[in-house]
Structure formats: structure tokens, C-alpha cells
Amino acid sequence: MSITLTVTAKGQVTLRKEALDHLGARPGDKVDVDLLEDGCLRLRAKRGTPSSAVFGMLARPGTAPRSIEDLIEAAAAGWAGEA
């Protein structure tokens, strides 16, 4: 299959959904581009978890968010053996 893309005035190209699906790339993933000597490019989806995935991972339904001060106090109490 061949896909034709258009280069914008800013020198950018948007990959079509079919190409991203073929790579296995999902929203938030990175794509590595290798510049080959014969003037070709090789694209590979860079697998991994985006750093934004850590936000909210400790949240518990039904509990209020904690402030950074609360977290520091809880950590200090834990280190002091008070928790």
C-alpha cells in the first residue's frame, strides 16, 4: 500500500490514520524517525507509557485530593515511625 502525504509551507507532514495504525501508534505515543543514507526514512512507534500516565494513579474514588503539604507531613510521619 502506498500513501501520498502533502508537505505544508512549514515543512510538516501529517501521517494519516492508516499509517499510524500500521505502526501501532496510539495517541500520546512517540514515533522514531531514522534517516537512511539512500534518502529514505524509517518510522517506528516508540512504545512506552507517557509520563502523563502517572498523574492520578494514586487517586482513590470517594477520597478528597490531598495537598502537597499533607503529603509532606504524611511522609515525615512515616519516616519518624508515627504512621
C-alpha atoms as a PDB file:
ATOM      1  CA  MET A   1       0.000   0.000   0.000  1.00  0.00           C
ATOM      2  CA  SER A   2       1.261   3.464  -0.801  1.00  0.00           C
ATOM      3  CA  ILE A   3       0.106   6.666   0.894  1.00  0.00           C
ATOM      4  CA  THR A   4       0.809  10.129  -0.501  1.00  0.00           C
ATOM      5  CA  LEU A   5       1.249  12.943   2.015  1.00  0.00           C
ATOM      6  CA  THR A   6       1.437  16.700   1.466  1.00  0.00           C
ATOM      7  CA  VAL A   7       4.256  18.852   2.861  1.00  0.00           C
ATOM      8  CA  THR A   8       2.976  22.122   4.371  1.00  0.00           C
ATOM      9  CA  ALA A   9       4.603  25.540   3.983  1.00  0.00           C
ATOM     10  CA  LYS A  10       6.192  24.947   7.418  1.00  0.00           C
ATOM     11  CA  GLY A  11       7.798  21.709   6.186  1.00  0.00           C
ATOM     12  CA  GLN A  12       5.454  19.492   8.180  1.00  0.00           C
ATOM     13  CA  VAL A  13       3.682  16.302   7.192  1.00  0.00           C
ATOM     14  CA  THR A  14       0.686  14.754   8.912  1.00  0.00           C
ATOM     15  CA  LEU A  15       0.613  10.960   8.956  1.00  0.00           C
ATOM     16  CA  ARG A  16      -2.748   9.509   8.054  1.00  0.00           C
ATOM     17  CA  LYS A  17      -4.607   7.206  10.408  1.00  0.00           C
ATOM     18  CA  GLU A  18      -3.866   4.177   8.226  1.00  0.00           C
ATOM     19  CA  ALA A  19      -0.117   4.772   8.590  1.00  0.00           C
ATOM     20  CA  LEU A  20      -0.354   5.257  12.364  1.00  0.00           C
ATOM     21  CA  ASP A  21      -2.499   2.133  12.706  1.00  0.00           C
ATOM     22  CA  HIS A  22       0.098   0.195  10.709  1.00  0.00           C
ATOM     23  CA  LEU A  23       2.810   1.405  13.109  1.00  0.00           C
ATOM     24  CA  GLY A  24       0.657   0.560  16.112  1.00  0.00           C
ATOM     25  CA  ALA A  25       0.962   4.157  17.309  1.00  0.00           C
ATOM     26  CA  ARG A  26      -1.710   5.453  19.690  1.00  0.00           C
ATOM     27  CA  PRO A  27      -2.461   8.986  20.900  1.00  0.00           C
ATOM     28  CA  GLY A  28       0.370  10.150  23.172  1.00  0.00           C
ATOM     29  CA  ASP A  29       2.935   7.729  21.684  1.00  0.00           C
ATOM     30  CA  LYS A  30       6.163   8.950  20.130  1.00  0.00           C
ATOM     31  CA  VAL A  31       7.371   7.995  16.657  1.00  0.00           C
ATOM     32  CA  ASP A  32      11.077   7.467  15.971  1.00  0.00           C
ATOM     33  CA  VAL A  33      12.346   8.532  12.549  1.00  0.00           C
ATOM     34  CA  ASP A  34      15.586   7.047  11.208  1.00  0.00           C
ATOM     35  CA  LEU A  35      17.232   8.989   8.371  1.00  0.00           C
ATOM     36  CA  LEU A  36      18.675   6.402   5.988  1.00  0.00           C
ATOM     37  CA  GLU A  37      21.572   7.137   3.649  1.00  0.00           C
ATOM     38  CA  ASP A  38      19.582   6.399   0.497  1.00  0.00           C
ATOM     39  CA  GLY A  39      17.249   9.350   1.201  1.00  0.00           C
ATOM     40  CA  CYS A  40      14.578   7.159   2.785  1.00  0.00           C
ATOM     41  CA  LEU A  41      13.046   7.378   6.226  1.00  0.00           C
ATOM     42  CA  ARG A  42      12.188   4.549   8.585  1.00  0.00           C
ATOM     43  CA  LEU A  43       9.369   5.191  11.081  1.00  0.00           C
ATOM     44  CA  ARG A  44       8.849   3.141  14.222  1.00  0.00           C
ATOM     45  CA  ALA A  45       6.349   3.629  17.017  1.00  0.00           C
ATOM     46  CA  LYS A  46       8.208   4.202  20.254  1.00  0.00           C
ATOM     47  CA  ARG A  47       6.452   2.061  22.779  1.00  0.00           C
ATOM     48  CA  GLY A  48       6.144   3.070  26.391  1.00  0.00           C
ATOM     49  CA  THR A  49       3.996   4.806  28.882  1.00  0.00           C
ATOM     50  CA  PRO A  50       3.845   8.577  28.578  1.00  0.00           C
ATOM     51  CA  SER A  51       4.942  10.423  31.706  1.00  0.00           C
ATOM     52  CA  SER A  52       1.470  11.964  31.975  1.00  0.00           C
ATOM     53  CA  ALA A  53       0.107   8.498  32.847  1.00  0.00           C
ATOM     54  CA  VAL A  54       1.384   8.846  36.425  1.00  0.00           C
ATOM     55  CA  PHE A  55      -0.993  11.701  37.235  1.00  0.00           C
ATOM     56  CA  GLY A  56      -3.875  10.405  39.291  1.00  0.00           C
ATOM     57  CA  MET A  57      -2.513   6.876  39.637  1.00  0.00           C
ATOM     58  CA  LEU A  58      -2.793   7.041  43.436  1.00  0.00           C
ATOM     59  CA  ALA A  59      -6.284   8.532  43.432  1.00  0.00           C
ATOM     60  CA  ARG A  60      -8.930   6.600  45.316  1.00  0.00           C
ATOM     61  CA  PRO A  61     -12.584   7.072  44.424  1.00  0.00           C
ATOM     62  CA  GLY A  62     -14.510   8.813  47.194  1.00  0.00           C
ATOM     63  CA  THR A  63     -11.471  10.485  48.803  1.00  0.00           C
ATOM     64  CA  ALA A  64     -10.621  14.156  48.601  1.00  0.00           C
ATOM     65  CA  PRO A  65      -7.417  15.232  46.857  1.00  0.00           C
ATOM     66  CA  ARG A  66      -4.506  15.875  49.242  1.00  0.00           C
ATOM     67  CA  SER A  67      -2.341  18.980  49.186  1.00  0.00           C
ATOM     68  CA  ILE A  68       1.415  18.759  48.808  1.00  0.00           C
ATOM     69  CA  GLU A  69       1.709  19.915  52.416  1.00  0.00           C
ATOM     70  CA  ASP A  70      -0.439  16.953  53.531  1.00  0.00           C
ATOM     71  CA  LEU A  71       1.764  14.577  51.558  1.00  0.00           C
ATOM     72  CA  ILE A  72       4.976  16.014  53.025  1.00  0.00           C
ATOM     73  CA  GLU A  73       3.539  15.741  56.544  1.00  0.00           C
ATOM     74  CA  ALA A  74       2.458  12.129  55.949  1.00  0.00           C
ATOM     75  CA  ALA A  75       5.889  11.219  54.572  1.00  0.00           C
ATOM     76  CA  ALA A  76       7.646  12.840  57.549  1.00  0.00           C
ATOM     77  CA  ALA A  77       5.392  10.974  59.968  1.00  0.00           C
ATOM     78  CA  GLY A  78       6.141   7.721  58.159  1.00  0.00           C
ATOM     79  CA  TRP A  79       9.897   8.264  58.348  1.00  0.00           C
ATOM     80  CA  ALA A  80       9.562   9.115  62.043  1.00  0.00           C
ATOM     81  CA  GLY A  81       7.692   5.862  62.665  1.00  0.00           C
ATOM     82  CA  GLU A  82       4.491   7.660  63.589  1.00  0.00           C
ATOM     83  CA  ALA A  83       2.354   6.247  60.777  1.00  0.00           C
END
